[in-house]
Amino acid sequence: MGEVAVTIGGRRYPVSCDDGQEEHVTKLAAYVDKRAQELAESVGRVSEARLLVMTCLVVADELADAYDELDRLQSQTKIAERRARVDAEAALETRFAPLVDALAERIESIAGRLEKD
């Protein structure tokens, strides 16, 4: 198991993580620290615990927005896929309908000749 020391709000914290995830955890901590610093600058002096709670809420809000955007994009993708499928079916029908009609006429012609014989 990996371990990395991260700094948030000027304090170092040891954090355990899966092997190979140290860099990722360090980047996440740097993001949280940045957001905490931004909040501290905007709200002024607050307790460390309150600042971390506020930071967690801000990051959770960003995550919720990202999930909403993901849902919106997935819905748009499904709609676009349905439209593409309908358009493709229409294009195939337009392209092959005359061929099918011609084949049907030939079959009817052959059937008519066979009935005469």
N, C-alpha and C. Protein backbone atom coordinates (compact mmCIF):
# COMPACT_ATOMS: atom_id res chain seq x y z
N MET A 1 0.86 -1.17 0.00
CA MET A 1 0.00 0.00 0.00
C MET A 1 0.90 1.23 0.00
N GLY A 2 0.57 2.21 -0.84
CA GLY A 2 1.34 3.43 -0.93
C GLY A 2 0.95 4.42 0.14
N GLU A 3 1.83 5.35 0.37
CA GLU A 3 1.54 6.42 1.31
C GLU A 3 2.17 7.70 0.78
N VAL A 4 1.46 8.78 0.98
CA VAL A 4 1.93 10.08 0.51
C VAL A 4 1.55 11.12 1.56
N ALA A 5 2.38 12.14 1.68
CA ALA A 5 2.06 13.25 2.58
C ALA A 5 1.53 14.39 1.74
N VAL A 6 0.36 14.88 2.09
CA VAL A 6 -0.24 15.99 1.35
C VAL A 6 -0.38 17.19 2.27
N THR A 7 -0.42 18.37 1.65
CA THR A 7 -0.57 19.60 2.43
C THR A 7 -1.86 20.28 2.02
N ILE A 8 -2.71 20.52 3.02
CA ILE A 8 -3.97 21.22 2.81
C ILE A 8 -4.09 22.26 3.91
N GLY A 9 -4.27 23.48 3.50
CA GLY A 9 -4.41 24.56 4.48
C GLY A 9 -3.17 24.75 5.33
N GLY A 10 -2.02 24.48 4.75
CA GLY A 10 -0.76 24.67 5.46
C GLY A 10 -0.39 23.54 6.41
N ARG A 11 -1.20 22.50 6.48
CA ARG A 11 -0.90 21.36 7.35
C ARG A 11 -0.66 20.13 6.51
N ARG A 12 0.31 19.34 6.97
CA ARG A 12 0.64 18.10 6.26
C ARG A 12 -0.16 16.94 6.85
N TYR A 13 -0.65 16.09 5.95
CA TYR A 13 -1.41 14.92 6.37
C TYR A 13 -0.85 13.69 5.66
N PRO A 14 -0.56 12.63 6.41
CA PRO A 14 -0.17 11.38 5.76
C PRO A 14 -1.43 10.69 5.23
N VAL A 15 -1.37 10.23 4.00
CA VAL A 15 -2.54 9.59 3.39
C VAL A 15 -2.09 8.27 2.77
N SER A 16 -2.80 7.20 3.10
CA SER A 16 -2.54 5.90 2.49
C SER A 16 -3.35 5.80 1.21
N CYS A 17 -2.78 5.11 0.25
CA CYS A 17 -3.48 4.93 -1.03
C CYS A 17 -2.96 3.65 -1.69
N ASP A 18 -3.62 3.23 -2.74
CA ASP A 18 -3.15 2.07 -3.49
C ASP A 18 -1.80 2.39 -4.11
N ASP A 19 -0.98 1.37 -4.25
CA ASP A 19 0.31 1.56 -4.91
C ASP A 19 0.09 2.14 -6.29
N GLY A 20 0.90 3.13 -6.62
CA GLY A 20 0.80 3.77 -7.93
C GLY A 20 -0.16 4.93 -7.98
N GLN A 21 -0.91 5.16 -6.91
CA GLN A 21 -1.90 6.24 -6.87
C GLN A 21 -1.38 7.50 -6.16
N GLU A 22 -0.13 7.47 -5.76
CA GLU A 22 0.43 8.57 -5.00
C GLU A 22 0.33 9.90 -5.75
N GLU A 23 0.69 9.90 -7.01
CA GLU A 23 0.64 11.14 -7.79
C GLU A 23 -0.79 11.66 -7.92
N HIS A 24 -1.71 10.75 -8.15
CA HIS A 24 -3.12 11.13 -8.28
C HIS A 24 -3.64 11.74 -6.97
N VAL A 25 -3.34 11.11 -5.85
CA VAL A 25 -3.77 11.62 -4.55
C VAL A 25 -3.14 12.99 -4.29
N THR A 26 -1.88 13.15 -4.67
CA THR A 26 -1.20 14.43 -4.49
C THR A 26 -1.89 15.52 -5.31
N LYS A 27 -2.28 15.20 -6.54
CA LYS A 27 -3.00 16.17 -7.38
C LYS A 27 -4.35 16.53 -6.78
N LEU A 28 -5.07 15.52 -6.28
CA LEU A 28 -6.36 15.79 -5.64
C LEU A 28 -6.19 16.70 -4.44
N ALA A 29 -5.19 16.42 -3.62
CA ALA A 29 -4.95 17.24 -2.44
C ALA A 29 -4.58 18.66 -2.84
N ALA A 30 -3.80 18.81 -3.91
CA ALA A 30 -3.43 20.15 -4.37
C ALA A 30 -4.68 20.92 -4.80
N TYR A 31 -5.61 20.23 -5.44
CA TYR A 31 -6.86 20.89 -5.85
C TYR A 31 -7.67 21.32 -4.63
N VAL A 32 -7.79 20.42 -3.65
CA VAL A 32 -8.54 20.75 -2.43
C VAL A 32 -7.86 21.92 -1.72
N ASP A 33 -6.53 21.90 -1.65
CA ASP A 33 -5.80 23.00 -1.00
C ASP A 33 -6.05 24.32 -1.72
N LYS A 34 -6.03 24.28 -3.03
CA LYS A 34 -6.28 25.50 -3.83
C LYS A 34 -7.68 26.04 -3.53
N ARG A 35 -8.68 25.15 -3.55
CA ARG A 35 -10.06 25.59 -3.29
C ARG A 35 -10.18 26.12 -1.86
N ALA A 36 -9.49 25.49 -0.91
CA ALA A 36 -9.52 25.95 0.48
C ALA A 36 -8.89 27.34 0.59
N GLN A 37 -7.79 27.56 -0.11
CA GLN A 37 -7.14 28.87 -0.08
C GLN A 37 -8.06 29.94 -0.68
N GLU A 38 -8.72 29.60 -1.78
CA GLU A 38 -9.64 30.56 -2.40
C GLU A 38 -10.78 30.91 -1.45
N LEU A 39 -11.31 29.90 -0.78
CA LEU A 39 -12.39 30.15 0.18
C LEU A 39 -11.90 31.00 1.34
N ALA A 40 -10.72 30.68 1.85
CA ALA A 40 -10.17 31.43 2.98
C ALA A 40 -10.01 32.90 2.61
N GLU A 41 -9.59 33.15 1.38
CA GLU A 41 -9.43 34.53 0.92
C GLU A 41 -10.77 35.25 0.81
N SER A 42 -11.80 34.52 0.42
CA SER A 42 -13.09 35.17 0.20
C SER A 42 -13.92 35.31 1.48
N VAL A 43 -13.80 34.38 2.42
CA VAL A 43 -14.63 34.45 3.62
C VAL A 43 -13.89 35.01 4.83
N GLY A 44 -12.61 35.14 4.72
CA GLY A 44 -11.85 35.66 5.86
C GLY A 44 -11.45 34.55 6.82
N ARG A 45 -11.12 34.92 7.98
CA ARG A 45 -10.61 33.98 8.98
C ARG A 45 -11.75 33.14 9.54
N VAL A 46 -11.63 31.83 9.38
CA VAL A 46 -12.57 30.87 9.98
C VAL A 46 -11.75 29.71 10.54
N SER A 47 -12.36 28.91 11.35
CA SER A 47 -11.64 27.77 11.92
C SER A 47 -11.26 26.79 10.82
N GLU A 48 -10.23 26.02 11.10
CA GLU A 48 -9.76 25.03 10.12
C GLU A 48 -10.86 24.04 9.79
N ALA A 49 -11.57 23.57 10.79
CA ALA A 49 -12.64 22.60 10.56
C ALA A 49 -13.73 23.20 9.68
N ARG A 50 -14.11 24.42 9.97
CA ARG A 50 -15.16 25.08 9.17
C ARG A 50 -14.69 25.29 7.73
N LEU A 51 -13.43 25.68 7.56
CA LEU A 51 -12.88 25.88 6.22
C LEU A 51 -12.89 24.57 5.44
N LEU A 52 -12.51 23.47 6.09
CA LEU A 52 -12.50 22.18 5.39
C LEU A 52 -13.92 21.73 5.04
N VAL A 53 -14.88 21.98 5.93
CA VAL A 53 -16.28 21.64 5.63
C VAL A 53 -16.76 22.46 4.43
N MET A 54 -16.46 23.75 4.44
CA MET A 54 -16.88 24.61 3.33
C MET A 54 -16.21 24.15 2.03
N THR A 55 -14.94 23.79 2.12
CA THR A 55 -14.22 23.31 0.94
C THR A 55 -14.85 22.03 0.42
N CYS A 56 -15.16 21.12 1.32
CA CYS A 56 -15.82 19.86 0.91
C CYS A 56 -17.14 20.15 0.21
N LEU A 57 -17.90 21.09 0.73
CA LEU A 57 -19.19 21.42 0.12
C LEU A 57 -19.00 22.04 -1.27
N VAL A 58 -18.00 22.90 -1.41
CA VAL A 58 -17.74 23.50 -2.72
C VAL A 58 -17.33 22.42 -3.72
N VAL A 59 -16.44 21.53 -3.31
CA VAL A 59 -15.99 20.47 -4.20
C VAL A 59 -17.14 19.52 -4.52
N ALA A 60 -17.97 19.21 -3.53
CA ALA A 60 -19.15 18.35 -3.76
C ALA A 60 -20.11 19.02 -4.74
N ASP A 61 -20.27 20.34 -4.62
CA ASP A 61 -21.14 21.08 -5.55
C ASP A 61 -20.57 21.00 -6.97
N GLU A 62 -19.27 21.15 -7.10
CA GLU A 62 -18.64 21.02 -8.42
C GLU A 62 -18.85 19.62 -8.99
N LEU A 63 -18.72 18.62 -8.13
CA LEU A 63 -18.94 17.24 -8.56
C LEU A 63 -20.38 17.02 -9.00
N ALA A 64 -21.32 17.57 -8.23
CA ALA A 64 -22.74 17.45 -8.59
C ALA A 64 -23.00 18.12 -9.94
N ASP A 65 -22.40 19.28 -10.16
CA ASP A 65 -22.54 19.95 -11.46
C ASP A 65 -21.96 19.10 -12.57
N ALA A 66 -20.82 18.46 -12.30
CA ALA A 66 -20.20 17.61 -13.31
C ALA A 66 -21.09 16.41 -13.63
N TYR A 67 -21.70 15.81 -12.60
CA TYR A 67 -22.63 14.70 -12.83
C TYR A 67 -23.85 15.15 -13.62
N ASP A 68 -24.37 16.32 -13.30
CA ASP A 68 -25.51 16.85 -14.06
C ASP A 68 -25.14 17.04 -15.52
N GLU A 69 -23.95 17.59 -15.76
CA GLU A 69 -23.48 17.79 -17.13
C GLU A 69 -23.30 16.45 -17.84
N LEU A 70 -22.76 15.48 -17.13
CA LEU A 70 -22.58 14.14 -17.71
C LEU A 70 -23.94 13.55 -18.09
N ASP A 71 -24.92 13.67 -17.21
CA ASP A 71 -26.28 13.18 -17.51
C ASP A 71 -26.85 13.88 -18.74
N ARG A 72 -26.66 15.21 -18.79
CA ARG A 72 -27.17 15.98 -19.92
C ARG A 72 -26.51 15.52 -21.22
N LEU A 73 -25.20 15.33 -21.19
CA LEU A 73 -24.48 14.90 -22.39
C LEU A 73 -24.86 13.49 -22.80
N GLN A 74 -25.08 12.61 -21.81
CA GLN A 74 -25.50 11.25 -22.14
C GLN A 74 -26.89 11.26 -22.77
N SER A 75 -27.79 12.10 -22.28
CA SER A 75 -29.12 12.21 -22.87
C SER A 75 -29.03 12.73 -24.29
N GLN A 76 -28.22 13.76 -24.50
CA GLN A 76 -28.03 14.30 -25.85
C GLN A 76 -27.45 13.24 -26.78
N THR A 77 -26.52 12.44 -26.26
CA THR A 77 -25.90 11.38 -27.07
C THR A 77 -26.94 10.34 -27.47
N LYS A 78 -27.80 9.95 -26.53
CA LYS A 78 -28.84 8.97 -26.84
C LYS A 78 -29.80 9.51 -27.90
N ILE A 79 -30.17 10.78 -27.77
CA ILE A 79 -31.06 11.39 -28.75
C ILE A 79 -30.38 11.43 -30.12
N ALA A 80 -29.11 11.82 -30.14
CA ALA A 80 -28.37 11.88 -31.40
C ALA A 80 -28.23 10.49 -32.02
N GLU A 81 -28.00 9.48 -31.18
CA GLU A 81 -27.90 8.11 -31.69
C GLU A 81 -29.22 7.66 -32.31
N ARG A 82 -30.33 7.97 -31.62
CA ARG A 82 -31.65 7.60 -32.16
C ARG A 82 -31.90 8.29 -33.49
N ARG A 83 -31.58 9.59 -33.55
CA ARG A 83 -31.77 10.34 -34.80
C ARG A 83 -30.92 9.75 -35.92
N ALA A 84 -29.66 9.43 -35.59
CA ALA A 84 -28.76 8.86 -36.59
C ALA A 84 -29.29 7.52 -37.09
N ARG A 85 -29.82 6.70 -36.17
CA ARG A 85 -30.37 5.41 -36.55
C ARG A 85 -31.58 5.58 -37.46
N VAL A 86 -32.47 6.50 -37.10
CA VAL A 86 -33.66 6.76 -37.92
C VAL A 86 -33.24 7.30 -39.28
N ASP A 87 -32.29 8.23 -39.30
CA ASP A 87 -31.81 8.78 -40.57
C ASP A 87 -31.17 7.70 -41.44
N ALA A 88 -30.39 6.81 -40.81
CA ALA A 88 -29.74 5.73 -41.55
C ALA A 88 -30.78 4.77 -42.13
N GLU A 89 -31.79 4.45 -41.33
CA GLU A 89 -32.85 3.56 -41.81
C GLU A 89 -33.59 4.21 -42.97
N ALA A 90 -33.87 5.49 -42.86
CA ALA A 90 -34.57 6.20 -43.94
C ALA A 90 -33.71 6.23 -45.20
N ALA A 91 -32.41 6.46 -45.02
CA ALA A 91 -31.51 6.49 -46.18
C ALA A 91 -31.45 5.12 -46.85
N LEU A 92 -31.39 4.06 -46.04
CA LEU A 92 -31.37 2.71 -46.61
C LEU A 92 -32.68 2.41 -47.34
N GLU A 93 -33.78 2.81 -46.71
CA GLU A 93 -35.08 2.57 -47.35
C GLU A 93 -35.17 3.32 -48.68
N THR A 94 -34.73 4.56 -48.69
CA THR A 94 -34.76 5.36 -49.91
C THR A 94 -33.88 4.73 -50.99
N ARG A 95 -32.73 4.22 -50.57
CA ARG A 95 -31.78 3.65 -51.52
C ARG A 95 -32.26 2.30 -52.06
N PHE A 96 -32.82 1.47 -51.17
CA PHE A 96 -33.14 0.11 -51.57
C PHE A 96 -34.60 -0.11 -51.96
N ALA A 97 -35.48 0.81 -51.66
CA ALA A 97 -36.89 0.64 -52.01
C ALA A 97 -37.08 0.44 -53.51
N PRO A 98 -36.43 1.26 -54.36
CA PRO A 98 -36.60 1.03 -55.80
C PRO A 98 -36.10 -0.35 -56.24
N LEU A 99 -35.02 -0.81 -55.62
CA LEU A 99 -34.50 -2.14 -55.97
C LEU A 99 -35.48 -3.23 -55.56
N VAL A 100 -36.04 -3.09 -54.37
CA VAL A 100 -37.01 -4.07 -53.90
C VAL A 100 -38.25 -4.04 -54.79
N ASP A 101 -38.70 -2.86 -55.17
CA ASP A 101 -39.85 -2.75 -56.06
C ASP A 101 -39.56 -3.42 -57.40
N ALA A 102 -38.37 -3.18 -57.94
CA ALA A 102 -38.00 -3.79 -59.22
C ALA A 102 -37.96 -5.31 -59.09
N LEU A 103 -37.41 -5.81 -58.00
CA LEU A 103 -37.37 -7.25 -57.79
C LEU A 103 -38.78 -7.82 -57.64
N ALA A 104 -39.65 -7.11 -56.95
CA ALA A 104 -41.03 -7.57 -56.78
C ALA A 104 -41.72 -7.65 -58.14
N GLU A 105 -41.50 -6.65 -59.00
CA GLU A 105 -42.10 -6.67 -60.33
C GLU A 105 -41.59 -7.85 -61.14
N ARG A 106 -40.28 -8.13 -61.02
CA ARG A 106 -39.71 -9.27 -61.77
C ARG A 106 -40.31 -10.58 -61.27
N ILE A 107 -40.44 -10.69 -59.95
CA ILE A 107 -41.01 -11.92 -59.38
C ILE A 107 -42.45 -12.08 -59.83
N GLU A 108 -43.21 -10.99 -59.82
CA GLU A 108 -44.60 -11.05 -60.27
C GLU A 108 -44.66 -11.42 -61.75
N SER A 109 -43.74 -10.88 -62.54
CA SER A 109 -43.69 -11.20 -63.96
C SER A 109 -43.40 -12.68 -64.18
N ILE A 110 -42.43 -13.19 -63.43
CA ILE A 110 -42.07 -14.60 -63.55
C ILE A 110 -43.24 -15.46 -63.10
N ALA A 111 -43.87 -15.08 -61.98
CA ALA A 111 -45.01 -15.85 -61.47
C ALA A 111 -46.15 -15.84 -62.50
N GLY A 112 -46.35 -14.69 -63.15
CA GLY A 112 -47.40 -14.60 -64.16
C GLY A 112 -47.10 -15.52 -65.34
N ARG A 113 -45.85 -15.57 -65.76
CA ARG A 113 -45.48 -16.46 -66.89
C ARG A 113 -45.63 -17.92 -66.51
N LEU A 114 -45.30 -18.23 -65.25
CA LEU A 114 -45.41 -19.63 -64.80
C LEU A 114 -46.87 -20.04 -64.73
N GLU A 115 -47.75 -19.11 -64.37
CA GLU A 115 -49.16 -19.43 -64.30
C GLU A 115 -49.74 -19.68 -65.68
N LYS A 116 -49.20 -19.03 -66.73
CA LYS A 116 -49.68 -19.22 -68.10
C LYS A 116 -49.27 -20.57 -68.65
N ASP A 117 -48.13 -21.06 -68.13
CA ASP A 117 -47.62 -22.34 -68.66
C ASP A 117 -48.30 -23.48 -68.06
